[in-house]
Amino acid sequence: MNNFKINVTIQLLPTKCTADKIELIDKAITCIKESKLKHLVCPFETVVEGTYQEIFDLVNKIRTTTLNSGCEELLINMKMHAGNKDLFFEDKLVKYS
């Protein structure tokens, strides 16, 4: 496995929960912020940039945090852009700024 930067969008959808779903999403965003990975919070998902291992360690932390905070089941939707070089989400946005 290489250490190239990848871009991933993460969308958390708590399903069976006793806790407030918005609070669970806020906890997931806190996990992302605490990871110190480059990220951009958007209305429906959050874009994160890091190595494959960093991203999947983060997704696992989001999963365990959510399940340990009053959520019995959840969906995590992800989209990944990976390559044989570092990928940065700013490169995709530069033509729009």
N, C-alpha and C. Protein backbone atom coordinates (compact mmCIF):
# COMPACT_ATOMS: atom_id res chain seq x y z
N MET A 1 0.85 -1.19 0.00
CA MET A 1 0.00 0.00 0.00
C MET A 1 0.89 1.24 0.00
N ASN A 2 0.54 2.21 -0.82
CA ASN A 2 1.34 3.44 -0.89
C ASN A 2 0.84 4.46 0.12
N ASN A 3 1.53 5.56 0.23
CA ASN A 3 1.14 6.62 1.15
C ASN A 3 0.67 7.87 0.42
N PHE A 4 0.17 7.69 -0.80
CA PHE A 4 -0.35 8.84 -1.53
C PHE A 4 -1.60 9.37 -0.85
N LYS A 5 -1.81 10.67 -0.97
CA LYS A 5 -3.02 11.30 -0.45
C LYS A 5 -4.20 10.91 -1.34
N ILE A 6 -5.33 10.62 -0.70
CA ILE A 6 -6.56 10.35 -1.41
C ILE A 6 -7.62 11.34 -0.91
N ASN A 7 -8.70 11.45 -1.64
CA ASN A 7 -9.84 12.27 -1.24
C ASN A 7 -11.01 11.34 -1.00
N VAL A 8 -11.71 11.56 0.09
CA VAL A 8 -12.87 10.74 0.42
C VAL A 8 -13.97 11.66 0.94
N THR A 9 -15.20 11.39 0.51
CA THR A 9 -16.33 12.05 1.15
C THR A 9 -16.93 11.05 2.13
N ILE A 10 -17.33 11.55 3.28
CA ILE A 10 -17.91 10.72 4.32
C ILE A 10 -19.28 11.30 4.68
N GLN A 11 -20.29 10.45 4.61
CA GLN A 11 -21.64 10.84 5.01
C GLN A 11 -22.12 9.82 6.03
N LEU A 12 -22.45 10.29 7.22
CA LEU A 12 -22.96 9.43 8.29
C LEU A 12 -24.47 9.53 8.33
N LEU A 13 -25.12 8.36 8.31
CA LEU A 13 -26.58 8.30 8.42
C LEU A 13 -26.94 7.37 9.57
N PRO A 14 -27.11 7.92 10.78
CA PRO A 14 -27.53 7.08 11.90
C PRO A 14 -28.95 6.57 11.63
N THR A 15 -29.19 5.27 11.83
CA THR A 15 -30.52 4.73 11.55
C THR A 15 -31.25 4.42 12.86
N LYS A 16 -30.95 3.32 13.50
CA LYS A 16 -31.61 2.96 14.77
C LYS A 16 -30.84 3.59 15.92
N CYS A 17 -31.44 4.63 16.53
CA CYS A 17 -30.73 5.39 17.56
C CYS A 17 -31.66 5.79 18.70
N THR A 18 -31.10 5.78 19.90
CA THR A 18 -31.80 6.40 21.03
C THR A 18 -31.31 7.83 21.21
N ALA A 19 -30.12 8.11 20.71
CA ALA A 19 -29.54 9.46 20.82
C ALA A 19 -30.06 10.33 19.67
N ASP A 20 -29.93 11.63 19.86
CA ASP A 20 -30.29 12.60 18.83
C ASP A 20 -29.36 12.42 17.63
N LYS A 21 -29.93 12.26 16.44
CA LYS A 21 -29.13 11.99 15.25
C LYS A 21 -28.21 13.14 14.88
N ILE A 22 -28.65 14.36 15.09
CA ILE A 22 -27.80 15.52 14.78
C ILE A 22 -26.60 15.56 15.73
N GLU A 23 -26.82 15.21 16.99
CA GLU A 23 -25.70 15.15 17.95
C GLU A 23 -24.69 14.08 17.54
N LEU A 24 -25.18 12.95 17.01
CA LEU A 24 -24.27 11.90 16.55
C LEU A 24 -23.45 12.38 15.35
N ILE A 25 -24.09 13.09 14.44
CA ILE A 25 -23.36 13.64 13.29
C ILE A 25 -22.33 14.66 13.77
N ASP A 26 -22.71 15.48 14.76
CA ASP A 26 -21.75 16.43 15.33
C ASP A 26 -20.55 15.71 15.94
N LYS A 27 -20.79 14.57 16.59
CA LYS A 27 -19.67 13.79 17.15
C LYS A 27 -18.77 13.26 16.04
N ALA A 28 -19.37 12.85 14.93
CA ALA A 28 -18.56 12.39 13.80
C ALA A 28 -17.70 13.52 13.25
N ILE A 29 -18.28 14.72 13.14
CA ILE A 29 -17.51 15.87 12.66
C ILE A 29 -16.40 16.21 13.65
N THR A 30 -16.65 16.06 14.94
CA THR A 30 -15.60 16.26 15.94
C THR A 30 -14.47 15.26 15.73
N CYS A 31 -14.79 14.01 15.44
CA CYS A 31 -13.76 13.00 15.15
C CYS A 31 -12.90 13.45 13.97
N ILE A 32 -13.55 13.98 12.95
CA ILE A 32 -12.83 14.43 11.76
C ILE A 32 -11.92 15.59 12.12
N LYS A 33 -12.43 16.57 12.87
CA LYS A 33 -11.61 17.71 13.27
C LYS A 33 -10.43 17.27 14.12
N GLU A 34 -10.66 16.36 15.06
CA GLU A 34 -9.59 15.88 15.94
C GLU A 34 -8.53 15.07 15.19
N SER A 35 -8.88 14.54 14.02
CA SER A 35 -7.92 13.75 13.24
C SER A 35 -6.80 14.63 12.69
N LYS A 36 -7.05 15.94 12.61
CA LYS A 36 -6.10 16.90 12.04
C LYS A 36 -5.90 16.71 10.54
N LEU A 37 -6.73 15.87 9.92
CA LEU A 37 -6.67 15.72 8.46
C LEU A 37 -7.35 16.91 7.81
N LYS A 38 -6.88 17.26 6.64
CA LYS A 38 -7.50 18.34 5.90
C LYS A 38 -8.93 17.92 5.56
N HIS A 39 -9.89 18.82 5.80
CA HIS A 39 -11.29 18.47 5.56
C HIS A 39 -12.10 19.71 5.23
N LEU A 40 -13.25 19.47 4.65
CA LEU A 40 -14.19 20.53 4.32
C LEU A 40 -15.59 20.00 4.65
N VAL A 41 -16.23 20.60 5.66
CA VAL A 41 -17.58 20.20 6.04
C VAL A 41 -18.56 20.84 5.07
N CYS A 42 -19.40 20.02 4.46
CA CYS A 42 -20.42 20.46 3.50
C CYS A 42 -21.80 20.09 4.06
N PRO A 43 -22.87 20.58 3.46
CA PRO A 43 -24.20 20.32 4.02
C PRO A 43 -24.60 18.85 4.09
N PHE A 44 -24.15 18.01 3.17
CA PHE A 44 -24.60 16.63 3.13
C PHE A 44 -23.51 15.61 3.42
N GLU A 45 -22.26 16.02 3.38
CA GLU A 45 -21.13 15.13 3.60
C GLU A 45 -19.90 15.98 3.89
N THR A 46 -18.85 15.31 4.31
CA THR A 46 -17.59 16.01 4.58
C THR A 46 -16.50 15.41 3.71
N VAL A 47 -15.71 16.26 3.07
CA VAL A 47 -14.59 15.82 2.24
C VAL A 47 -13.35 15.78 3.13
N VAL A 48 -12.61 14.68 3.05
CA VAL A 48 -11.41 14.50 3.87
C VAL A 48 -10.27 14.09 2.96
N GLU A 49 -9.08 14.59 3.28
CA GLU A 49 -7.87 14.29 2.50
C GLU A 49 -6.84 13.67 3.43
N GLY A 50 -6.30 12.54 3.04
CA GLY A 50 -5.27 11.87 3.84
C GLY A 50 -4.84 10.60 3.14
N THR A 51 -3.97 9.85 3.77
CA THR A 51 -3.58 8.56 3.20
C THR A 51 -4.72 7.57 3.40
N TYR A 52 -4.67 6.50 2.66
CA TYR A 52 -5.68 5.45 2.77
C TYR A 52 -5.81 5.00 4.24
N GLN A 53 -4.69 4.74 4.88
CA GLN A 53 -4.72 4.25 6.26
C GLN A 53 -5.30 5.30 7.21
N GLU A 54 -4.91 6.57 7.03
CA GLU A 54 -5.46 7.64 7.89
C GLU A 54 -6.97 7.74 7.74
N ILE A 55 -7.43 7.66 6.50
CA ILE A 55 -8.87 7.79 6.23
C ILE A 55 -9.63 6.63 6.87
N PHE A 56 -9.15 5.42 6.69
CA PHE A 56 -9.90 4.28 7.21
C PHE A 56 -9.77 4.14 8.73
N ASP A 57 -8.69 4.63 9.31
CA ASP A 57 -8.62 4.73 10.77
C ASP A 57 -9.68 5.72 11.26
N LEU A 58 -9.85 6.83 10.54
CA LEU A 58 -10.85 7.83 10.89
C LEU A 58 -12.26 7.27 10.76
N VAL A 59 -12.55 6.58 9.68
CA VAL A 59 -13.87 5.99 9.48
C VAL A 59 -14.18 4.99 10.60
N ASN A 60 -13.19 4.22 11.00
CA ASN A 60 -13.39 3.28 12.10
C ASN A 60 -13.68 4.03 13.41
N LYS A 61 -12.99 5.14 13.64
CA LYS A 61 -13.25 5.93 14.85
C LYS A 61 -14.66 6.51 14.82
N ILE A 62 -15.09 7.00 13.67
CA ILE A 62 -16.46 7.52 13.53
C ILE A 62 -17.46 6.40 13.82
N ARG A 63 -17.21 5.24 13.27
CA ARG A 63 -18.10 4.09 13.46
C ARG A 63 -18.21 3.72 14.93
N THR A 64 -17.07 3.55 15.59
CA THR A 64 -17.11 3.13 16.99
C THR A 64 -17.68 4.22 17.90
N THR A 65 -17.34 5.46 17.64
CA THR A 65 -17.87 6.57 18.43
C THR A 65 -19.39 6.63 18.32
N THR A 66 -19.90 6.50 17.11
CA THR A 66 -21.35 6.57 16.89
C THR A 66 -22.05 5.39 17.55
N LEU A 67 -21.52 4.19 17.35
CA LEU A 67 -22.16 3.00 17.93
C LEU A 67 -22.08 2.99 19.45
N ASN A 68 -21.10 3.65 20.02
CA ASN A 68 -20.97 3.72 21.48
C ASN A 68 -21.68 4.92 22.07
N SER A 69 -22.40 5.67 21.25
CA SER A 69 -23.06 6.90 21.72
C SER A 69 -24.57 6.86 21.54
N GLY A 70 -25.15 5.67 21.57
CA GLY A 70 -26.60 5.58 21.50
C GLY A 70 -27.15 5.26 20.13
N CYS A 71 -26.32 4.73 19.25
CA CYS A 71 -26.78 4.36 17.91
C CYS A 71 -26.55 2.86 17.74
N GLU A 72 -27.64 2.14 17.45
CA GLU A 72 -27.56 0.70 17.29
C GLU A 72 -27.10 0.30 15.88
N GLU A 73 -27.52 1.09 14.88
CA GLU A 73 -27.14 0.84 13.49
C GLU A 73 -26.91 2.16 12.78
N LEU A 74 -26.02 2.12 11.78
CA LEU A 74 -25.73 3.33 11.00
C LEU A 74 -25.29 2.94 9.60
N LEU A 75 -25.40 3.90 8.73
CA LEU A 75 -24.85 3.78 7.38
C LEU A 75 -23.75 4.82 7.24
N ILE A 76 -22.65 4.43 6.64
CA ILE A 76 -21.60 5.38 6.30
C ILE A 76 -21.40 5.28 4.79
N ASN A 77 -21.77 6.35 4.09
CA ASN A 77 -21.56 6.41 2.64
C ASN A 77 -20.24 7.10 2.38
N MET A 78 -19.47 6.53 1.46
CA MET A 78 -18.17 7.10 1.12
C MET A 78 -17.99 7.11 -0.40
N LYS A 79 -17.29 8.13 -0.88
CA LYS A 79 -16.81 8.19 -2.26
C LYS A 79 -15.32 8.42 -2.16
N MET A 80 -14.53 7.67 -2.93
CA MET A 80 -13.08 7.77 -2.84
C MET A 80 -12.49 8.09 -4.20
N HIS A 81 -11.52 8.99 -4.20
CA HIS A 81 -10.71 9.27 -5.39
C HIS A 81 -9.28 8.94 -5.00
N ALA A 82 -8.71 7.91 -5.62
CA ALA A 82 -7.35 7.47 -5.32
C ALA A 82 -6.57 7.35 -6.62
N GLY A 83 -5.26 7.43 -6.54
CA GLY A 83 -4.43 7.32 -7.73
C GLY A 83 -3.00 6.94 -7.38
N ASN A 84 -2.15 6.99 -8.37
CA ASN A 84 -0.73 6.70 -8.19
C ASN A 84 0.07 7.97 -7.97
N LYS A 85 -0.57 8.94 -7.35
CA LYS A 85 0.06 10.21 -6.99
C LYS A 85 -0.81 10.83 -5.91
N ASP A 86 -0.29 11.87 -5.25
CA ASP A 86 -1.09 12.60 -4.27
C ASP A 86 -2.23 13.31 -4.98
N LEU A 87 -3.41 13.25 -4.39
CA LEU A 87 -4.59 13.94 -4.91
C LEU A 87 -5.07 14.93 -3.86
N PHE A 88 -5.31 16.15 -4.29
CA PHE A 88 -5.73 17.22 -3.38
C PHE A 88 -7.05 17.79 -3.87
N PHE A 89 -8.00 18.02 -2.94
CA PHE A 89 -9.28 18.50 -3.42
C PHE A 89 -9.23 19.92 -3.94
N GLU A 90 -8.23 20.73 -3.54
CA GLU A 90 -8.10 22.06 -4.12
C GLU A 90 -7.85 22.03 -5.61
N ASP A 91 -7.12 20.99 -6.06
CA ASP A 91 -6.83 20.86 -7.49
C ASP A 91 -8.12 20.75 -8.30
N LYS A 92 -9.14 20.16 -7.70
CA LYS A 92 -10.41 19.99 -8.39
C LYS A 92 -11.23 21.28 -8.38
N LEU A 93 -10.91 22.19 -7.45
CA LEU A 93 -11.71 23.39 -7.27
C LEU A 93 -11.08 24.65 -7.85
N VAL A 94 -9.79 24.61 -8.20
CA VAL A 94 -9.07 25.82 -8.60
C VAL A 94 -9.74 26.53 -9.77
N LYS A 95 -10.27 25.80 -10.72
CA LYS A 95 -10.88 26.45 -11.88
C LYS A 95 -12.20 27.15 -11.52
N TYR A 96 -12.73 26.92 -10.33
CA TYR A 96 -13.98 27.55 -9.91
C TYR A 96 -13.78 28.74 -8.99
N SER A 97 -12.51 29.01 -8.63
CA SER A 97 -12.28 30.15 -7.72
C SER A 97 -11.87 31.40 -8.45
